[in-house]
Amino acid sequence: PLRDIVNGYKTELRRLHPFERVVADLTARARQKKDGLTLSDVLADIHEARKEILDASKDWIAYTKESETAREASEAMQNGCDRLLDLFEEMASTPVKQIVDLQRSLRSAPAVRLDTPAVVLVGSPNVGKSSIVRAISSASPEVNNYPFTTRGMTLGHVEVFWSDNNAIAKAVVPDEDRKLGTMSPDVVIGKYAFSQLCQVMDSPGLLVRPDNDRNEMEALTLAAMQHLPTAVMYVMDLSGGAGDKCSSVEDQLQLRREVRKRFPRRPWIDVVSKYDLGVVDGSLDMLEEILDGAPYIKLSIHEGDGVEELKNEVLRMLGEVRVVLDAMAA
């Protein structure tokens, strides 16, 4: 069993989807910060414990075989079992407990659909990403809490209906009363060719800094863009009231430059949120200079301005992501 633990982890980690591998690595790194041990350290301790126990068991087997009477053999077997149990408690029990704790943490990580079109909301901290998810997707989105952070990721859904393989007909908030995985009545009667449950997720805020200075939350955001079939909604609060010293207008615009340069081929829409609060003088001019003619949406969830336009853009991007997924599967 100890050998199975070591080999099993090494095998399963290689089989993980790249996004799952990042989540597993971030979880292990959080455990390392807590107790100072890496996953490789724990697996090495289990491997060493297995070797010591195996060597001791061979010695006790040989000693038992050399017994002259059945009683001596029975006593030798009992003493050998006691010694092996002591060795397990001494060398293996702690790393096995550590690996079990890590398994519990990994099991608690929420499951994101890895093969479904998604829109990920990206931006600095406190720019209103979660409010947008709630406004354009399922009324009661999930809050996914990862074991390496207290910051949740809000995950909403939209059900997209396709009139054929190439054209989106409409999108609606999914019916919460309908059983997951069952076909929509509109598809059953032939009104639409098919429907697909797509994801809309916010992400932990990014800061303007090098990758090796980023925390686990930022690494999760970058992993979602890099490894999941996502379009990007870049969200900015240009009112000057984002409430974080690292969320200044200048920082948000610089971050936008960096993220777009890093992911130039992703379907993309820029959103100025909380537009009803106003904008810092000159901030729209700076933004438009960066965008160089590309469109952006002025959004006010409070006033309802720009919401329908944003929903249409989300549909467009989900359609683009699905085309890519279909091409990859062909």
C-alpha atoms as a PDB file:
ATOM      1  CA  PRO A   1       0.000   0.000   0.000  1.00  0.00           C
ATOM      2  CA  LEU A   2       2.834   2.471   0.744  1.00  0.00           C
ATOM      3  CA  ARG A   3       4.328   1.822  -2.681  1.00  0.00           C
ATOM      4  CA  ASP A   4       0.877   2.297  -4.238  1.00  0.00           C
ATOM      5  CA  ILE A   5       0.589   5.728  -2.579  1.00  0.00           C
ATOM      6  CA  VAL A   6       3.911   6.902  -4.041  1.00  0.00           C
ATOM      7  CA  ASN A   7       3.387   5.456  -7.521  1.00  0.00           C
ATOM      8  CA  GLY A   8      -0.281   6.454  -7.598  1.00  0.00           C
ATOM      9  CA  TYR A   9       0.435  10.114  -6.929  1.00  0.00           C
ATOM     10  CA  LYS A  10       3.178  10.288  -9.529  1.00  0.00           C
ATOM     11  CA  THR A  11       0.935   8.625 -12.124  1.00  0.00           C
ATOM     12  CA  GLU A  12      -2.204  10.648 -11.397  1.00  0.00           C
ATOM     13  CA  LEU A  13      -0.375  13.994 -11.401  1.00  0.00           C
ATOM     14  CA  ARG A  14       0.863  13.237 -14.916  1.00  0.00           C
ATOM     15  CA  ARG A  15      -2.687  12.440 -16.054  1.00  0.00           C
ATOM     16  CA  LEU A  16      -4.276  15.654 -14.776  1.00  0.00           C
ATOM     17  CA  HIS A  17      -5.605  18.323 -17.100  1.00  0.00           C
ATOM     18  CA  PRO A  18      -3.180  21.299 -17.085  1.00  0.00           C
ATOM     19  CA  PHE A  19      -5.631  23.471 -15.112  1.00  0.00           C
ATOM     20  CA  GLU A  20      -6.169  20.682 -12.568  1.00  0.00           C
ATOM     21  CA  ARG A  21      -2.406  20.274 -12.319  1.00  0.00           C
ATOM     22  CA  VAL A  22      -2.050  23.961 -11.460  1.00  0.00           C
ATOM     23  CA  VAL A  23      -4.766  23.685  -8.793  1.00  0.00           C
ATOM     24  CA  ALA A  24      -3.025  20.631  -7.324  1.00  0.00           C
ATOM     25  CA  ASP A  25       0.326  22.431  -7.346  1.00  0.00           C
ATOM     26  CA  LEU A  26      -1.132  25.544  -5.695  1.00  0.00           C
ATOM     27  CA  THR A  27      -2.804  23.377  -3.050  1.00  0.00           C
ATOM     28  CA  ALA A  28       0.487  21.596  -2.343  1.00  0.00           C
ATOM     29  CA  ARG A  29       2.279  24.955  -2.149  1.00  0.00           C
ATOM     30  CA  ALA A  30      -0.250  26.193   0.405  1.00  0.00           C
ATOM     31  CA  ARG A  31       0.385  23.082   2.480  1.00  0.00           C
ATOM     32  CA  GLN A  32       4.100  23.752   2.181  1.00  0.00           C
ATOM     33  CA  LYS A  33       3.640  27.241   3.610  1.00  0.00           C
ATOM     34  CA  LYS A  34       1.652  25.737   6.474  1.00  0.00           C
ATOM     35  CA  ASP A  35       3.988  22.916   7.539  1.00  0.00           C
ATOM     36  CA  GLY A  36       7.170  23.498   5.497  1.00  0.00           C
ATOM     37  CA  LEU A  37       6.941  20.253   3.512  1.00  0.00           C
ATOM     38  CA  THR A  38       6.585  19.803  -0.216  1.00  0.00           C
ATOM     39  CA  LEU A  39       4.662  16.964  -1.845  1.00  0.00           C
ATOM     40  CA  SER A  40       7.945  15.457  -3.048  1.00  0.00           C
ATOM     41  CA  ASP A  41       9.272  15.528   0.552  1.00  0.00           C
ATOM     42  CA  VAL A  42       6.218  13.669   1.844  1.00  0.00           C
ATOM     43  CA  LEU A  43       6.365  11.057  -0.936  1.00  0.00           C
ATOM     44  CA  ALA A  44      10.110  10.595  -0.302  1.00  0.00           C
ATOM     45  CA  ASP A  45       9.441  10.029   3.425  1.00  0.00           C
ATOM     46  CA  ILE A  46       6.813   7.409   2.603  1.00  0.00           C
ATOM     47  CA  HIS A  47       9.214   5.720   0.179  1.00  0.00           C
ATOM     48  CA  GLU A  48      11.979   5.595   2.818  1.00  0.00           C
ATOM     49  CA  ALA A  49       9.572   4.272   5.442  1.00  0.00           C
ATOM     50  CA  ARG A  50       8.480   1.534   3.050  1.00  0.00           C
ATOM     51  CA  LYS A  51      12.089   0.445   2.469  1.00  0.00           C
ATOM     52  CA  GLU A  52      12.862   0.308   6.205  1.00  0.00           C
ATOM     53  CA  ILE A  53       9.702  -1.669   6.967  1.00  0.00           C
ATOM     54  CA  LEU A  54      10.350  -4.048   4.078  1.00  0.00           C
ATOM     55  CA  ASP A  55      13.944  -4.698   5.203  1.00  0.00           C
ATOM     56  CA  ALA A  56      12.810  -5.271   8.793  1.00  0.00           C
ATOM     57  CA  SER A  57      10.077  -7.666   7.674  1.00  0.00           C
ATOM     58  CA  LYS A  58      12.632  -9.765   5.770  1.00  0.00           C
ATOM     59  CA  ASP A  59      14.806  -9.978   8.855  1.00  0.00           C
ATOM     60  CA  TRP A  60      11.883 -11.112  11.026  1.00  0.00           C
ATOM     61  CA  ILE A  61      10.774 -13.660   8.438  1.00  0.00           C
ATOM     62  CA  ALA A  62      14.280 -15.140   8.427  1.00  0.00           C
ATOM     63  CA  TYR A  63      14.354 -15.146  12.243  1.00  0.00           C
ATOM     64  CA  THR A  64      10.973 -16.880  12.380  1.00  0.00           C
ATOM     65  CA  LYS A  65      12.116 -19.582   9.941  1.00  0.00           C
ATOM     66  CA  GLU A  66      15.106 -20.300  12.160  1.00  0.00           C
ATOM     67  CA  SER A  67      12.885 -21.006  15.175  1.00  0.00           C
ATOM     68  CA  GLU A  68      13.232 -24.550  16.499  1.00  0.00           C
ATOM     69  CA  THR A  69       9.709 -24.914  17.845  1.00  0.00           C
ATOM     70  CA  ALA A  70       6.257 -23.772  16.820  1.00  0.00           C
ATOM     71  CA  ARG A  71       6.027 -21.742  20.032  1.00  0.00           C
ATOM     72  CA  GLU A  72       9.265 -19.888  19.259  1.00  0.00           C
ATOM     73  CA  ALA A  73       8.050 -19.269  15.718  1.00  0.00           C
ATOM     74  CA  SER A  74       4.736 -17.883  16.997  1.00  0.00           C
ATOM     75  CA  GLU A  75       6.512 -15.575  19.448  1.00  0.00           C
ATOM     76  CA  ALA A  76       8.886 -14.420  16.725  1.00  0.00           C
ATOM     77  CA  MET A  77       5.991 -13.632  14.425  1.00  0.00           C
ATOM     78  CA  GLN A  78       4.246 -11.637  17.148  1.00  0.00           C
ATOM     79  CA  ASN A  79       7.423  -9.749  18.041  1.00  0.00           C
ATOM     80  CA  GLY A  80       8.032  -9.080  14.364  1.00  0.00           C
ATOM     81  CA  CYS A  81       4.510  -7.688  13.875  1.00  0.00           C
ATOM     82  CA  ASP A  82       4.932  -5.480  16.939  1.00  0.00           C
ATOM     83  CA  ARG A  83       8.241  -4.159  15.626  1.00  0.00           C
ATOM     84  CA  LEU A  84       6.853  -3.474  12.165  1.00  0.00           C
ATOM     85  CA  LEU A  85       3.925  -1.594  13.709  1.00  0.00           C
ATOM     86  CA  ASP A  86       6.378   0.475  15.754  1.00  0.00           C
ATOM     87  CA  LEU A  87       8.354   1.250  12.610  1.00  0.00           C
ATOM     88  CA  PHE A  88       5.189   2.310  10.799  1.00  0.00           C
ATOM     89  CA  GLU A  89       4.195   4.611  13.660  1.00  0.00           C
ATOM     90  CA  GLU A  90       7.716   5.990  13.841  1.00  0.00           C
ATOM     91  CA  MET A  91       8.420   6.545  10.150  1.00  0.00           C
ATOM     92  CA  ALA A  92       5.237   6.324   8.078  1.00  0.00           C
ATOM     93  CA  SER A  93       2.263   7.490  10.112  1.00  0.00           C
ATOM     94  CA  THR A  94       3.102  11.213   9.913  1.00  0.00           C
ATOM     95  CA  PRO A  95       3.760  11.402   6.146  1.00  0.00           C
ATOM     96  CA  VAL A  96       0.723   9.196   5.453  1.00  0.00           C
ATOM     97  CA  LYS A  97      -1.422  11.559   7.539  1.00  0.00           C
ATOM     98  CA  GLN A  98       0.055  14.495   5.625  1.00  0.00           C
ATOM     99  CA  ILE A  99      -0.791  12.897   2.291  1.00  0.00           C
ATOM    100  CA  VAL A 100      -4.344  12.160   3.482  1.00  0.00           C
ATOM    101  CA  ASP A 101      -4.745  15.806   4.540  1.00  0.00           C
ATOM    102  CA  LEU A 102      -3.526  16.889   1.102  1.00  0.00           C
ATOM    103  CA  GLN A 103      -6.027  14.536  -0.529  1.00  0.00           C
ATOM    104  CA  ARG A 104      -8.840  16.090   1.488  1.00  0.00           C
ATOM    105  CA  SER A 105      -7.732  19.550   0.363  1.00  0.00           C
ATOM    106  CA  LEU A 106      -7.598  18.463  -3.272  1.00  0.00           C
ATOM    107  CA  ARG A 107     -11.003  16.813  -2.984  1.00  0.00           C
ATOM    108  CA  SER A 108     -12.472  20.068  -1.683  1.00  0.00           C
ATOM    109  CA  ALA A 109     -11.325  22.000  -4.767  1.00  0.00           C
ATOM    110  CA  PRO A 110     -14.373  22.823  -6.898  1.00  0.00           C
ATOM    111  CA  ALA A 111     -14.733  21.201 -10.290  1.00  0.00           C
ATOM    112  CA  VAL A 112     -14.699  23.525 -13.278  1.00  0.00           C
ATOM    113  CA  ARG A 113     -15.943  22.059 -16.558  1.00  0.00           C
ATOM    114  CA  LEU A 114     -12.767  21.706 -18.577  1.00  0.00           C
ATOM    115  CA  ASP A 115     -14.302  21.268 -22.030  1.00  0.00           C
ATOM    116  CA  THR A 116     -17.097  23.869 -21.935  1.00  0.00           C
ATOM    117  CA  PRO A 117     -16.958  27.393 -23.401  1.00  0.00           C
ATOM    118  CA  ALA A 118     -16.444  29.964 -20.679  1.00  0.00           C
ATOM    119  CA  VAL A 119     -15.976  33.680 -20.166  1.00  0.00           C
ATOM    120  CA  VAL A 120     -13.539  34.622 -17.413  1.00  0.00           C
ATOM    121  CA  LEU A 121     -13.712  38.104 -15.891  1.00  0.00           C
ATOM    122  CA  VAL A 122     -10.251  39.510 -15.270  1.00  0.00           C
ATOM    123  CA  GLY A 123      -9.038  42.717 -13.664  1.00  0.00           C
ATOM    124  CA  SER A 124      -7.579  44.358 -10.583  1.00  0.00           C
ATOM    125  CA  PRO A 125      -9.103  43.740  -7.130  1.00  0.00           C
ATOM    126  CA  ASN A 126     -12.459  45.361  -6.268  1.00  0.00           C
ATOM    127  CA  VAL A 127     -13.516  46.411  -9.755  1.00  0.00           C
ATOM    128  CA  GLY A 128     -16.942  44.725  -9.671  1.00  0.00           C
ATOM    129  CA  LYS A 129     -16.360  41.383 -11.393  1.00  0.00           C
ATOM    130  CA  SER A 130     -18.622  39.324  -9.098  1.00  0.00           C
ATOM    131  CA  SER A 131     -21.511  41.769  -9.538  1.00  0.00           C
ATOM    132  CA  ILE A 132     -21.251  41.383 -13.305  1.00  0.00           C
ATOM    133  CA  VAL A 133     -21.345  37.580 -13.038  1.00  0.00           C
ATOM    134  CA  ARG A 134     -24.545  37.847 -11.012  1.00  0.00           C
ATOM    135  CA  ALA A 135     -26.076  40.293 -13.476  1.00  0.00           C
ATOM    136  CA  ILE A 136     -25.514  38.297 -16.669  1.00  0.00           C
ATOM    137  CA  SER A 137     -25.661  34.656 -15.576  1.00  0.00           C
ATOM    138  CA  SER A 138     -27.486  32.309 -13.188  1.00  0.00           C
ATOM    139  CA  ALA A 139     -29.317  34.127 -10.422  1.00  0.00           C
ATOM    140  CA  SER A 140     -27.597  32.064  -7.714  1.00  0.00           C
ATOM    141  CA  PRO A 141     -24.048  31.505  -8.908  1.00  0.00           C
ATOM    142  CA  GLU A 142     -21.758  29.085  -7.115  1.00  0.00           C
ATOM    143  CA  VAL A 143     -18.947  30.469  -5.005  1.00  0.00           C
ATOM    144  CA  ASN A 144     -16.004  28.124  -5.533  1.00  0.00           C
ATOM    145  CA  ASN A 145     -13.617  28.131  -2.586  1.00  0.00           C
ATOM    146  CA  TYR A 146     -10.183  26.706  -3.302  1.00  0.00           C
ATOM    147  CA  PRO A 147      -8.140  25.147  -0.483  1.00  0.00           C
ATOM    148  CA  PHE A 148      -5.196  27.505  -0.996  1.00  0.00           C
ATOM    149  CA  THR A 149      -7.148  30.765  -0.616  1.00  0.00           C
ATOM    150  CA  THR A 150     -10.016  32.260   1.357  1.00  0.00           C
ATOM    151  CA  ARG A 151     -11.025  34.168  -1.775  1.00  0.00           C
ATOM    152  CA  GLY A 152     -13.831  32.414  -3.660  1.00  0.00           C
ATOM    153  CA  MET A 153     -14.336  32.326  -7.419  1.00  0.00           C
ATOM    154  CA  THR A 154     -17.917  33.150  -8.398  1.00  0.00           C
ATOM    155  CA  LEU A 155     -19.108  30.771 -11.116  1.00  0.00           C
ATOM    156  CA  GLY A 156     -22.354  31.441 -12.987  1.00  0.00           C
ATOM    157  CA  HIS A 157     -23.937  29.720 -15.968  1.00  0.00           C
ATOM    158  CA  VAL A 158     -25.839  30.665 -19.097  1.00  0.00           C
ATOM    159  CA  GLU A 159     -27.663  28.189 -21.308  1.00  0.00           C
ATOM    160  CA  VAL A 160     -26.876  28.952 -24.925  1.00  0.00           C
ATOM    161  CA  PHE A 161     -29.272  27.759 -27.639  1.00  0.00           C
ATOM    162  CA  TRP A 162     -28.001  27.072 -31.154  1.00  0.00           C
ATOM    163  CA  SER A 163     -30.212  27.170 -34.248  1.00  0.00           C
ATOM    164  CA  ASP A 164     -27.582  25.099 -36.063  1.00  0.00           C
ATOM    165  CA  ASN A 165     -23.900  24.231 -35.603  1.00  0.00           C
ATOM    166  CA  ASN A 166     -22.780  27.752 -36.501  1.00  0.00           C
ATOM    167  CA  ALA A 167     -25.424  30.182 -35.249  1.00  0.00           C
ATOM    168  CA  ILE A 168     -26.415  31.145 -31.709  1.00  0.00           C
ATOM    169  CA  ALA A 169     -30.145  31.809 -31.364  1.00  0.00           C
ATOM    170  CA  LYS A 170     -30.394  32.984 -27.767  1.00  0.00           C
ATOM    171  CA  ALA A 171     -29.077  32.539 -24.247  1.00  0.00           C
ATOM    172  CA  VAL A 172     -31.003  32.337 -20.994  1.00  0.00           C
ATOM    173  CA  VAL A 173     -30.347  31.881 -17.325  1.00  0.00           C
ATOM    174  CA  PRO A 174     -30.654  28.102 -16.844  1.00  0.00           C
ATOM    175  CA  ASP A 175     -33.779  26.745 -15.197  1.00  0.00           C
ATOM    176  CA  GLU A 176     -32.721  25.773 -11.667  1.00  0.00           C
ATOM    177  CA  ASP A 177     -35.637  23.319 -11.393  1.00  0.00           C
ATOM    178  CA  ARG A 178     -34.526  21.311 -14.418  1.00  0.00           C
ATOM    179  CA  LYS A 179     -32.346  18.341 -13.583  1.00  0.00           C
ATOM    180  CA  LEU A 180     -28.700  18.754 -14.578  1.00  0.00           C
ATOM    181  CA  GLY A 181     -27.909  17.013 -17.856  1.00  0.00           C
ATOM    182  CA  THR A 182     -31.507  16.849 -19.110  1.00  0.00           C
ATOM    183  CA  MET A 183     -32.426  18.330 -22.481  1.00  0.00           C
ATOM    184  CA  SER A 184     -34.275  21.623 -22.700  1.00  0.00           C
ATOM    185  CA  PRO A 185     -37.941  21.299 -23.777  1.00  0.00           C
ATOM    186  CA  ASP A 186     -37.249  23.788 -26.617  1.00  0.00           C
ATOM    187  CA  VAL A 187     -34.609  21.404 -27.977  1.00  0.00           C
ATOM    188  CA  VAL A 188     -36.860  18.375 -27.528  1.00  0.00           C
ATOM    189  CA  ILE A 189     -39.620  19.909 -29.693  1.00  0.00           C
ATOM    190  CA  GLY A 190     -37.092  20.913 -32.353  1.00  0.00           C
ATOM    191  CA  LYS A 191     -37.223  24.672 -31.863  1.00  0.00           C
ATOM    192  CA  TYR A 192     -33.431  24.711 -31.535  1.00  0.00           C
ATOM    193  CA  ALA A 193     -30.753  22.283 -32.681  1.00  0.00           C
ATOM    194  CA  PHE A 194     -29.180  21.957 -29.234  1.00  0.00           C
ATOM    195  CA  SER A 195     -28.264  23.905 -26.125  1.00  0.00           C
ATOM    196  CA  GLN A 196     -25.094  24.087 -24.079  1.00  0.00           C
ATOM    197  CA  LEU A 197     -24.486  25.139 -20.503  1.00  0.00           C
ATOM    198  CA  CYS A 198     -21.624  27.652 -20.585  1.00  0.00           C
ATOM    199  CA  GLN A 199     -19.680  29.155 -17.701  1.00  0.00           C
ATOM    200  CA  VAL A 200     -19.197  32.760 -16.624  1.00  0.00           C
ATOM    201  CA  MET A 201     -16.618  33.120 -13.873  1.00  0.00           C
ATOM    202  CA  ASP A 202     -14.956  35.929 -12.049  1.00  0.00           C
ATOM    203  CA  SER A 203     -11.379  35.515 -10.936  1.00  0.00           C
ATOM    204  CA  PRO A 204      -9.145  36.762  -8.123  1.00  0.00           C
ATOM    205  CA  GLY A 205      -7.708  40.196  -8.826  1.00  0.00           C
ATOM    206  CA  LEU A 206      -4.366  40.621 -10.564  1.00  0.00           C
ATOM    207  CA  LEU A 207      -1.700  43.142  -9.640  1.00  0.00           C
ATOM    208  CA  VAL A 208       0.972  44.739 -11.795  1.00  0.00           C
ATOM    209  CA  ARG A 209       4.025  42.702 -10.821  1.00  0.00           C
ATOM    210  CA  PRO A 210       6.295  39.905 -12.102  1.00  0.00           C
ATOM    211  CA  ASP A 211       4.978  36.337 -12.147  1.00  0.00           C
ATOM    212  CA  ASN A 212       7.434  35.146  -9.502  1.00  0.00           C
ATOM    213  CA  ASP A 213       5.942  37.702  -7.082  1.00  0.00           C
ATOM    214  CA  ARG A 214       2.338  36.579  -7.656  1.00  0.00           C
ATOM    215  CA  ASN A 215       0.346  34.753  -4.990  1.00  0.00           C
ATOM    216  CA  GLU A 216      -1.745  31.615  -5.422  1.00  0.00           C
ATOM    217  CA  MET A 217      -4.903  33.589  -6.233  1.00  0.00           C
ATOM    218  CA  GLU A 218      -3.242  35.400  -9.130  1.00  0.00           C
ATOM    219  CA  ALA A 219      -1.730  32.142 -10.385  1.00  0.00           C
ATOM    220  CA  LEU A 220      -5.259  30.669 -10.471  1.00  0.00           C
ATOM    221  CA  THR A 221      -6.491  33.555 -12.621  1.00  0.00           C
ATOM    222  CA  LEU A 222      -3.649  33.165 -15.115  1.00  0.00           C
ATOM    223  CA  ALA A 223      -4.144  29.385 -15.192  1.00  0.00           C
ATOM    224  CA  ALA A 224      -7.831  29.816 -16.064  1.00  0.00           C
ATOM    225  CA  MET A 225      -6.929  32.009 -19.049  1.00  0.00           C
ATOM    226  CA  GLN A 226      -4.073  29.784 -20.147  1.00  0.00           C
ATOM    227  CA  HIS A 227      -5.581  26.318 -19.798  1.00  0.00           C
ATOM    228  CA  LEU A 228      -9.394  26.614 -19.998  1.00  0.00           C
ATOM    229  CA  PRO A 229     -11.441  27.266 -23.166  1.00  0.00           C
ATOM    230  CA  THR A 230     -12.170  30.866 -22.223  1.00  0.00           C
ATOM    231  CA  ALA A 231     -12.883  34.259 -23.646  1.00  0.00           C
ATOM    232  CA  VAL A 232     -11.757  37.228 -21.560  1.00  0.00           C
ATOM    233  CA  MET A 233     -13.814  40.094 -20.188  1.00  0.00           C
ATOM    234  CA  TYR A 234     -11.369  42.667 -18.879  1.00  0.00           C
ATOM    235  CA  VAL A 235     -13.105  44.744 -16.207  1.00  0.00           C
ATOM    236  CA  MET A 236     -11.986  48.203 -15.091  1.00  0.00           C
ATOM    237  CA  ASP A 237     -13.285  50.637 -12.487  1.00  0.00           C
ATOM    238  CA  LEU A 238     -12.140  54.075 -13.643  1.00  0.00           C
ATOM    239  CA  SER A 239     -14.094  55.976 -10.985  1.00  0.00           C
ATOM    240  CA  GLY A 240     -11.060  56.171  -8.711  1.00  0.00           C
ATOM    241  CA  GLY A 241     -12.954  54.356  -5.962  1.00  0.00           C
ATOM    242  CA  ALA A 242     -11.804  50.761  -6.412  1.00  0.00           C
ATOM    243  CA  GLY A 243     -10.665  50.851  -2.798  1.00  0.00           C
ATOM    244  CA  ASP A 244      -7.281  49.210  -3.267  1.00  0.00           C
ATOM    245  CA  LYS A 245      -3.972  51.037  -3.495  1.00  0.00           C
ATOM    246  CA  CYS A 246      -2.980  48.602  -6.230  1.00  0.00           C
ATOM    247  CA  SER A 247      -6.164  49.260  -8.237  1.00  0.00           C
ATOM    248  CA  SER A 248      -5.399  52.814  -9.375  1.00  0.00           C
ATOM    249  CA  VAL A 249      -6.526  53.811 -12.862  1.00  0.00           C
ATOM    250  CA  GLU A 250      -2.915  53.756 -14.037  1.00  0.00           C
ATOM    251  CA  ASP A 251      -2.339  50.263 -12.621  1.00  0.00           C
ATOM    252  CA  GLN A 252      -5.537  48.923 -14.194  1.00  0.00           C
ATOM    253  CA  LEU A 253      -4.583  50.250 -17.609  1.00  0.00           C
ATOM    254  CA  GLN A 254      -1.035  48.934 -17.321  1.00  0.00           C
ATOM    255  CA  LEU A 255      -2.396  45.539 -16.278  1.00  0.00           C
ATOM    256  CA  ARG A 256      -4.692  45.575 -19.283  1.00  0.00           C
ATOM    257  CA  ARG A 257      -1.707  46.119 -21.587  1.00  0.00           C
ATOM    258  CA  GLU A 258       0.203  43.243 -19.996  1.00  0.00           C
ATOM    259  CA  VAL A 259      -2.645  40.722 -19.949  1.00  0.00           C
ATOM    260  CA  ARG A 260      -3.711  41.445 -23.524  1.00  0.00           C
ATOM    261  CA  LYS A 261      -0.113  41.109 -24.718  1.00  0.00           C
ATOM    262  CA  ARG A 262       0.089  37.765 -22.929  1.00  0.00           C
ATOM    263  CA  PHE A 263      -3.173  36.429 -24.419  1.00  0.00           C
ATOM    264  CA  PRO A 264      -3.477  38.176 -27.817  1.00  0.00           C
ATOM    265  CA  ARG A 265      -5.616  35.482 -29.472  1.00  0.00           C
ATOM    266  CA  ARG A 266      -8.333  35.122 -26.856  1.00  0.00           C
ATOM    267  CA  PRO A 267     -11.801  36.493 -27.717  1.00  0.00           C
ATOM    268  CA  TRP A 268     -11.880  39.714 -25.710  1.00  0.00           C
ATOM    269  CA  ILE A 269     -14.110  42.560 -24.560  1.00  0.00           C
ATOM    270  CA  ASP A 270     -13.178  45.527 -22.369  1.00  0.00           C
ATOM    271  CA  VAL A 271     -15.700  46.764 -19.794  1.00  0.00           C
ATOM    272  CA  VAL A 272     -15.698  49.977 -17.761  1.00  0.00           C
ATOM    273  CA  SER A 273     -17.785  49.013 -14.740  1.00  0.00           C
ATOM    274  CA  LYS A 274     -19.568  51.248 -12.208  1.00  0.00           C
ATOM    275  CA  TYR A 275     -19.932  53.871 -14.914  1.00  0.00           C
ATOM    276  CA  ASP A 276     -22.697  55.585 -12.950  1.00  0.00           C
ATOM    277  CA  LEU A 277     -20.041  56.639 -10.415  1.00  0.00           C
ATOM    278  CA  GLY A 278     -18.220  58.671 -13.042  1.00  0.00           C
ATOM    279  CA  VAL A 279     -14.637  58.353 -14.243  1.00  0.00           C
ATOM    280  CA  VAL A 280     -11.370  60.038 -13.370  1.00  0.00           C
ATOM    281  CA  ASP A 281     -10.599  62.924 -15.714  1.00  0.00           C
ATOM    282  CA  GLY A 282      -8.598  61.746 -18.693  1.00  0.00           C
ATOM    283  CA  SER A 283      -9.003  58.035 -17.926  1.00  0.00           C
ATOM    284  CA  LEU A 284     -11.219  57.302 -20.943  1.00  0.00           C
ATOM    285  CA  ASP A 285      -8.737  59.071 -23.216  1.00  0.00           C
ATOM    286  CA  MET A 286      -5.939  56.876 -21.844  1.00  0.00           C
ATOM    287  CA  LEU A 287      -8.080  53.766 -22.285  1.00  0.00           C
ATOM    288  CA  GLU A 288      -9.035  54.641 -25.860  1.00  0.00           C
ATOM    289  CA  GLU A 289      -5.408  55.265 -26.721  1.00  0.00           C
ATOM    290  CA  ILE A 290      -4.581  51.747 -25.505  1.00  0.00           C
ATOM    291  CA  LEU A 291      -7.541  50.189 -27.338  1.00  0.00           C
ATOM    292  CA  ASP A 292      -6.631  51.923 -30.601  1.00  0.00           C
ATOM    293  CA  GLY A 293     -10.180  51.886 -31.923  1.00  0.00           C
ATOM    294  CA  ALA A 294     -11.331  48.588 -30.391  1.00  0.00           C
ATOM    295  CA  PRO A 295     -14.801  48.802 -28.790  1.00  0.00           C
ATOM    296  CA  TYR A 296     -15.520  48.792 -25.078  1.00  0.00           C
ATOM    297  CA  ILE A 297     -18.657  48.808 -22.965  1.00  0.00           C
ATOM    298  CA  LYS A 298     -19.647  51.439 -20.408  1.00  0.00           C
ATOM    299  CA  LEU A 299     -21.479  49.394 -17.797  1.00  0.00           C
ATOM    300  CA  SER A 300     -23.655  50.319 -14.840  1.00  0.00           C
ATOM    301  CA  ILE A 301     -25.236  47.362 -13.089  1.00  0.00           C
ATOM    302  CA  HIS A 302     -27.035  49.791 -10.756  1.00  0.00           C
ATOM    303  CA  GLU A 303     -28.645  51.737 -13.605  1.00  0.00           C
ATOM    304  CA  GLY A 304     -28.905  48.795 -15.997  1.00  0.00           C
ATOM    305  CA  ASP A 305     -26.884  50.583 -18.680  1.00  0.00           C
ATOM    306  CA  GLY A 306     -24.834  48.413 -21.004  1.00  0.00           C
ATOM    307  CA  VAL A 307     -26.102  45.113 -19.556  1.00  0.00           C
ATOM    308  CA  GLU A 308     -27.861  43.897 -22.716  1.00  0.00           C
ATOM    309  CA  GLU A 309     -24.940  44.975 -24.877  1.00  0.00           C
ATOM    310  CA  LEU A 310     -22.616  43.030 -22.606  1.00  0.00           C
ATOM    311  CA  LYS A 311     -24.816  39.928 -22.766  1.00  0.00           C
ATOM    312  CA  ASN A 312     -24.650  40.064 -26.573  1.00  0.00           C
ATOM    313  CA  GLU A 313     -20.864  40.323 -26.446  1.00  0.00           C
ATOM    314  CA  VAL A 314     -20.698  37.350 -24.088  1.00  0.00           C
ATOM    315  CA  LEU A 315     -22.775  35.329 -26.572  1.00  0.00           C
ATOM    316  CA  ARG A 316     -20.468  36.334 -29.420  1.00  0.00           C
ATOM    317  CA  MET A 317     -17.372  35.272 -27.497  1.00  0.00           C
ATOM    318  CA  LEU A 318     -18.872  31.976 -26.330  1.00  0.00           C
ATOM    319  CA  GLY A 319     -19.653  31.217 -29.968  1.00  0.00           C
ATOM    320  CA  GLU A 320     -16.040  31.901 -30.947  1.00  0.00           C
ATOM    321  CA  VAL A 321     -14.746  29.640 -28.184  1.00  0.00           C
ATOM    322  CA  ARG A 322     -17.081  26.826 -29.226  1.00  0.00           C
ATOM    323  CA  VAL A 323     -15.886  27.050 -32.855  1.00  0.00           C
ATOM    324  CA  VAL A 324     -12.312  26.566 -31.631  1.00  0.00           C
ATOM    325  CA  LEU A 325     -13.309  23.638 -29.415  1.00  0.00           C
ATOM    326  CA  ASP A 326     -15.136  21.967 -32.302  1.00  0.00           C
ATOM    327  CA  ALA A 327     -12.115  22.415 -34.552  1.00  0.00           C
ATOM    328  CA  MET A 328      -9.853  20.874 -31.915  1.00  0.00           C
ATOM    329  CA  ALA A 329     -12.207  17.887 -31.543  1.00  0.00           C
ATOM    330  CA  ALA A 330     -12.527  17.291 -35.302  1.00  0.00           C
END
